[in-house]
Amino acid sequence: MSARAPGGLLLATLLLASAAVSAQVFECTDARGAREYSNVCPPGTVRQRALTRTDDVPPPPVEAKSTAQEDAEFRKRQQERQDAEAKANEDRIKAEEAERNCTIARTQLRGLLEGQRMQRIDPDTGERINLGDEDRAVEAERQQQLVAQWCK
């Protein structure tokens, strides 16, 4: 029985070695450029390249996150979403204000250019004052600037 044990050990070693060798795949290229994939390249191979098998490579370990980390990430995403919503709302309000101011400026300018009677209020007395030709030109220029500013 002692004579069989070394042979059994040798056989087991050969089986393990052959299993390890058979797991390796080579890309074999012959002189004509034809490619063949095998665990052993045939005679006449001019180029031999070992390929790694993706199914033999274990996936990278997934880092387990603690409940506190997940909660912190959730709160961060929630805060980012709230910030984005607040910014979108602020942008919408600014756009509405710009549109309103644009409409007012265009209406005022059109009235000035069409010769409609326009008035302004004297800040000291509160009295209404009709705009003369010189005041109309100044006010029309100011309304032009407002149109350029708000109507983009």
C-alpha atoms as a PDB file:
ATOM      1  CA  MET A   1       0.000   0.000   0.000  1.00  0.00           C
ATOM      2  CA  SER A   2       2.893   2.339   0.612  1.00  0.00           C
ATOM      3  CA  ALA A   3       3.904   1.875  -3.049  1.00  0.00           C
ATOM      4  CA  ARG A   4       0.513   3.169  -4.213  1.00  0.00           C
ATOM      5  CA  ALA A   5       0.459   6.314  -2.086  1.00  0.00           C
ATOM      6  CA  PRO A   6       3.258   8.129  -3.936  1.00  0.00           C
ATOM      7  CA  GLY A   7       1.608   7.237  -7.262  1.00  0.00           C
ATOM      8  CA  GLY A   8      -1.765   8.535  -6.036  1.00  0.00           C
ATOM      9  CA  LEU A   9      -0.128  11.725  -4.897  1.00  0.00           C
ATOM     10  CA  LEU A  10       1.556  12.103  -8.275  1.00  0.00           C
ATOM     11  CA  LEU A  11      -1.743  11.512 -10.078  1.00  0.00           C
ATOM     12  CA  ALA A  12      -3.556  14.083  -7.935  1.00  0.00           C
ATOM     13  CA  THR A  13      -0.785  16.604  -8.569  1.00  0.00           C
ATOM     14  CA  LEU A  14      -0.968  15.999 -12.329  1.00  0.00           C
ATOM     15  CA  LEU A  15      -4.739  16.377 -12.329  1.00  0.00           C
ATOM     16  CA  LEU A  16      -4.532  19.698 -10.471  1.00  0.00           C
ATOM     17  CA  ALA A  17      -1.782  20.950 -12.783  1.00  0.00           C
ATOM     18  CA  SER A  18      -3.747  19.962 -15.913  1.00  0.00           C
ATOM     19  CA  ALA A  19      -6.848  21.727 -14.580  1.00  0.00           C
ATOM     20  CA  ALA A  20      -4.820  24.890 -14.042  1.00  0.00           C
ATOM     21  CA  VAL A  21      -3.289  24.660 -17.521  1.00  0.00           C
ATOM     22  CA  SER A  22      -6.633  24.038 -19.224  1.00  0.00           C
ATOM     23  CA  ALA A  23      -8.004  27.217 -17.697  1.00  0.00           C
ATOM     24  CA  GLN A  24      -5.503  29.277 -19.727  1.00  0.00           C
ATOM     25  CA  VAL A  25      -6.560  30.275 -23.264  1.00  0.00           C
ATOM     26  CA  PHE A  26      -4.132  31.470 -25.936  1.00  0.00           C
ATOM     27  CA  GLU A  27      -4.642  33.408 -29.133  1.00  0.00           C
ATOM     28  CA  CYS A  28      -2.419  31.652 -31.686  1.00  0.00           C
ATOM     29  CA  THR A  29      -1.535  33.389 -34.968  1.00  0.00           C
ATOM     30  CA  ASP A  30       0.070  31.457 -37.823  1.00  0.00           C
ATOM     31  CA  ALA A  31       2.322  32.775 -40.630  1.00  0.00           C
ATOM     32  CA  ARG A  32      -0.723  33.679 -42.805  1.00  0.00           C
ATOM     33  CA  GLY A  33      -2.272  35.744 -40.003  1.00  0.00           C
ATOM     34  CA  ALA A  34      -5.064  33.289 -39.229  1.00  0.00           C
ATOM     35  CA  ARG A  35      -6.049  33.256 -35.584  1.00  0.00           C
ATOM     36  CA  GLU A  36      -6.931  30.248 -33.523  1.00  0.00           C
ATOM     37  CA  TYR A  37      -7.935  30.103 -29.896  1.00  0.00           C
ATOM     38  CA  SER A  38      -6.786  27.145 -27.876  1.00  0.00           C
ATOM     39  CA  ASN A  39      -5.278  26.090 -24.581  1.00  0.00           C
ATOM     40  CA  VAL A  40      -2.179  24.917 -26.513  1.00  0.00           C
ATOM     41  CA  CYS A  41      -0.891  26.600 -29.689  1.00  0.00           C
ATOM     42  CA  PRO A  42      -0.200  24.228 -32.640  1.00  0.00           C
ATOM     43  CA  PRO A  43       3.192  23.944 -34.363  1.00  0.00           C
ATOM     44  CA  GLY A  44       3.862  26.766 -36.858  1.00  0.00           C
ATOM     45  CA  THR A  45       2.457  29.466 -34.590  1.00  0.00           C
ATOM     46  CA  VAL A  46       4.352  32.726 -35.065  1.00  0.00           C
ATOM     47  CA  ARG A  47       2.634  34.671 -32.335  1.00  0.00           C
ATOM     48  CA  GLN A  48       1.121  33.475 -29.086  1.00  0.00           C
ATOM     49  CA  ARG A  49      -0.802  35.715 -26.669  1.00  0.00           C
ATOM     50  CA  ALA A  50      -2.340  34.621 -23.370  1.00  0.00           C
ATOM     51  CA  LEU A  51      -5.933  35.763 -22.863  1.00  0.00           C
ATOM     52  CA  THR A  52      -7.548  36.255 -19.529  1.00  0.00           C
ATOM     53  CA  ARG A  53     -10.945  34.745 -19.015  1.00  0.00           C
ATOM     54  CA  THR A  54     -13.431  37.133 -17.522  1.00  0.00           C
ATOM     55  CA  ASP A  55     -15.510  34.337 -16.039  1.00  0.00           C
ATOM     56  CA  ASP A  56     -12.513  33.194 -13.981  1.00  0.00           C
ATOM     57  CA  VAL A  57     -11.899  36.651 -12.549  1.00  0.00           C
ATOM     58  CA  PRO A  58     -13.952  37.233  -9.427  1.00  0.00           C
ATOM     59  CA  PRO A  59     -15.949  40.472  -9.387  1.00  0.00           C
ATOM     60  CA  PRO A  60     -14.562  43.209  -7.188  1.00  0.00           C
ATOM     61  CA  PRO A  61     -15.899  43.041  -3.675  1.00  0.00           C
ATOM     62  CA  VAL A  62     -18.895  45.231  -3.025  1.00  0.00           C
ATOM     63  CA  GLU A  63     -18.232  47.586  -0.200  1.00  0.00           C
ATOM     64  CA  ALA A  64     -20.963  47.190   2.360  1.00  0.00           C
ATOM     65  CA  LYS A  65     -22.321  50.530   3.519  1.00  0.00           C
ATOM     66  CA  SER A  66     -23.509  51.118   6.993  1.00  0.00           C
ATOM     67  CA  THR A  67     -27.001  52.359   7.662  1.00  0.00           C
ATOM     68  CA  ALA A  68     -25.553  55.697   8.750  1.00  0.00           C
ATOM     69  CA  GLN A  69     -23.689  56.071   5.421  1.00  0.00           C
ATOM     70  CA  GLU A  70     -26.786  55.191   3.414  1.00  0.00           C
ATOM     71  CA  ASP A  71     -28.856  57.635   5.474  1.00  0.00           C
ATOM     72  CA  ALA A  72     -26.269  60.396   4.958  1.00  0.00           C
ATOM     73  CA  GLU A  73     -26.217  59.752   1.191  1.00  0.00           C
ATOM     74  CA  PHE A  74     -30.022  59.799   1.084  1.00  0.00           C
ATOM     75  CA  ARG A  75     -30.138  63.112   2.950  1.00  0.00           C
ATOM     76  CA  LYS A  76     -27.498  64.553   0.619  1.00  0.00           C
ATOM     77  CA  ARG A  77     -29.494  63.508  -2.484  1.00  0.00           C
ATOM     78  CA  GLN A  78     -32.671  64.879  -0.925  1.00  0.00           C
ATOM     79  CA  GLN A  79     -30.971  68.225  -0.158  1.00  0.00           C
ATOM     80  CA  GLU A  80     -29.554  68.411  -3.704  1.00  0.00           C
ATOM     81  CA  ARG A  81     -33.030  67.779  -5.141  1.00  0.00           C
ATOM     82  CA  GLN A  82     -34.550  70.481  -2.917  1.00  0.00           C
ATOM     83  CA  ASP A  83     -31.798  72.924  -3.929  1.00  0.00           C
ATOM     84  CA  ALA A  84     -32.408  72.165  -7.602  1.00  0.00           C
ATOM     85  CA  GLU A  85     -36.167  72.663  -7.191  1.00  0.00           C
ATOM     86  CA  ALA A  86     -35.619  75.952  -5.349  1.00  0.00           C
ATOM     87  CA  LYS A  87     -33.273  77.197  -8.082  1.00  0.00           C
ATOM     88  CA  ALA A  88     -35.738  76.167 -10.804  1.00  0.00           C
ATOM     89  CA  ASN A  89     -38.536  77.976  -8.967  1.00  0.00           C
ATOM     90  CA  GLU A  90     -36.367  81.083  -8.549  1.00  0.00           C
ATOM     91  CA  ASP A  91     -35.466  81.003 -12.262  1.00  0.00           C
ATOM     92  CA  ARG A  92     -39.164  80.647 -13.170  1.00  0.00           C
ATOM     93  CA  ILE A  93     -40.093  83.653 -10.989  1.00  0.00           C
ATOM     94  CA  LYS A  94     -37.309  85.754 -12.547  1.00  0.00           C
ATOM     95  CA  ALA A  95     -38.451  84.774 -16.054  1.00  0.00           C
ATOM     96  CA  GLU A  96     -42.064  85.729 -15.244  1.00  0.00           C
ATOM     97  CA  GLU A  97     -40.913  89.075 -13.818  1.00  0.00           C
ATOM     98  CA  ALA A  98     -38.785  89.772 -16.885  1.00  0.00           C
ATOM     99  CA  GLU A  99     -41.723  88.953 -19.187  1.00  0.00           C
ATOM    100  CA  ARG A 100     -44.049  91.226 -17.176  1.00  0.00           C
ATOM    101  CA  ASN A 101     -41.512  94.095 -17.217  1.00  0.00           C
ATOM    102  CA  CYS A 102     -40.942  93.583 -20.942  1.00  0.00           C
ATOM    103  CA  THR A 103     -44.666  93.841 -21.667  1.00  0.00           C
ATOM    104  CA  ILE A 104     -44.988  97.020 -19.583  1.00  0.00           C
ATOM    105  CA  ALA A 105     -41.949  98.644 -21.234  1.00  0.00           C
ATOM    106  CA  ARG A 106     -43.173  97.799 -24.758  1.00  0.00           C
ATOM    107  CA  THR A 107     -46.651  99.108 -23.981  1.00  0.00           C
ATOM    108  CA  GLN A 108     -45.260 102.372 -22.600  1.00  0.00           C
ATOM    109  CA  LEU A 109     -42.921 102.790 -25.579  1.00  0.00           C
ATOM    110  CA  ARG A 110     -45.713 102.110 -28.086  1.00  0.00           C
ATOM    111  CA  GLY A 111     -47.921 104.719 -26.363  1.00  0.00           C
ATOM    112  CA  LEU A 112     -45.120 107.277 -26.454  1.00  0.00           C
ATOM    113  CA  LEU A 113     -44.331 106.632 -30.119  1.00  0.00           C
ATOM    114  CA  GLU A 114     -48.017 106.717 -31.162  1.00  0.00           C
ATOM    115  CA  GLY A 115     -48.466 110.131 -29.532  1.00  0.00           C
ATOM    116  CA  GLN A 116     -50.866 109.075 -26.776  1.00  0.00           C
ATOM    117  CA  ARG A 117     -51.287 111.526 -23.944  1.00  0.00           C
ATOM    118  CA  MET A 118     -48.899 110.519 -21.183  1.00  0.00           C
ATOM    119  CA  GLN A 119     -48.624 111.840 -17.666  1.00  0.00           C
ATOM    120  CA  ARG A 120     -46.256 111.543 -14.786  1.00  0.00           C
ATOM    121  CA  ILE A 121     -46.735 112.290 -11.114  1.00  0.00           C
ATOM    122  CA  ASP A 122     -44.669 115.034  -9.502  1.00  0.00           C
ATOM    123  CA  PRO A 123     -43.044 113.345  -6.474  1.00  0.00           C
ATOM    124  CA  ASP A 124     -43.054 116.552  -4.404  1.00  0.00           C
ATOM    125  CA  THR A 125     -46.638 117.681  -4.923  1.00  0.00           C
ATOM    126  CA  GLY A 126     -48.349 114.491  -6.140  1.00  0.00           C
ATOM    127  CA  GLU A 127     -49.744 116.498  -9.029  1.00  0.00           C
ATOM    128  CA  ARG A 128     -50.189 114.958 -12.517  1.00  0.00           C
ATOM    129  CA  ILE A 129     -48.062 116.576 -15.209  1.00  0.00           C
ATOM    130  CA  ASN A 130     -48.607 116.006 -18.945  1.00  0.00           C
ATOM    131  CA  LEU A 131     -45.452 115.097 -20.858  1.00  0.00           C
ATOM    132  CA  GLY A 132     -44.286 117.642 -23.409  1.00  0.00           C
ATOM    133  CA  ASP A 133     -42.379 116.827 -26.616  1.00  0.00           C
ATOM    134  CA  GLU A 134     -38.988 117.041 -24.907  1.00  0.00           C
ATOM    135  CA  ASP A 135     -40.116 114.895 -21.964  1.00  0.00           C
ATOM    136  CA  ARG A 136     -41.660 112.362 -24.392  1.00  0.00           C
ATOM    137  CA  ALA A 137     -38.338 111.954 -26.225  1.00  0.00           C
ATOM    138  CA  VAL A 138     -36.477 111.406 -22.934  1.00  0.00           C
ATOM    139  CA  GLU A 139     -39.116 108.954 -21.699  1.00  0.00           C
ATOM    140  CA  ALA A 140     -39.126 107.100 -25.069  1.00  0.00           C
ATOM    141  CA  GLU A 141     -35.340 106.682 -24.820  1.00  0.00           C
ATOM    142  CA  ARG A 142     -35.699 105.356 -21.260  1.00  0.00           C
ATOM    143  CA  GLN A 143     -38.401 102.897 -22.360  1.00  0.00           C
ATOM    144  CA  GLN A 144     -36.164 101.753 -25.265  1.00  0.00           C
ATOM    145  CA  GLN A 145     -33.443 100.926 -22.738  1.00  0.00           C
ATOM    146  CA  LEU A 146     -35.933  99.039 -20.555  1.00  0.00           C
ATOM    147  CA  VAL A 147     -37.159  97.044 -23.571  1.00  0.00           C
ATOM    148  CA  ALA A 148     -33.558  96.147 -24.399  1.00  0.00           C
ATOM    149  CA  GLN A 149     -32.951  95.144 -20.770  1.00  0.00           C
ATOM    150  CA  TRP A 150     -36.086  93.053 -20.141  1.00  0.00           C
ATOM    151  CA  CYS A 151     -36.980  91.669 -23.575  1.00  0.00           C
ATOM    152  CA  LYS A 152     -34.037  89.344 -24.208  1.00  0.00           C
END
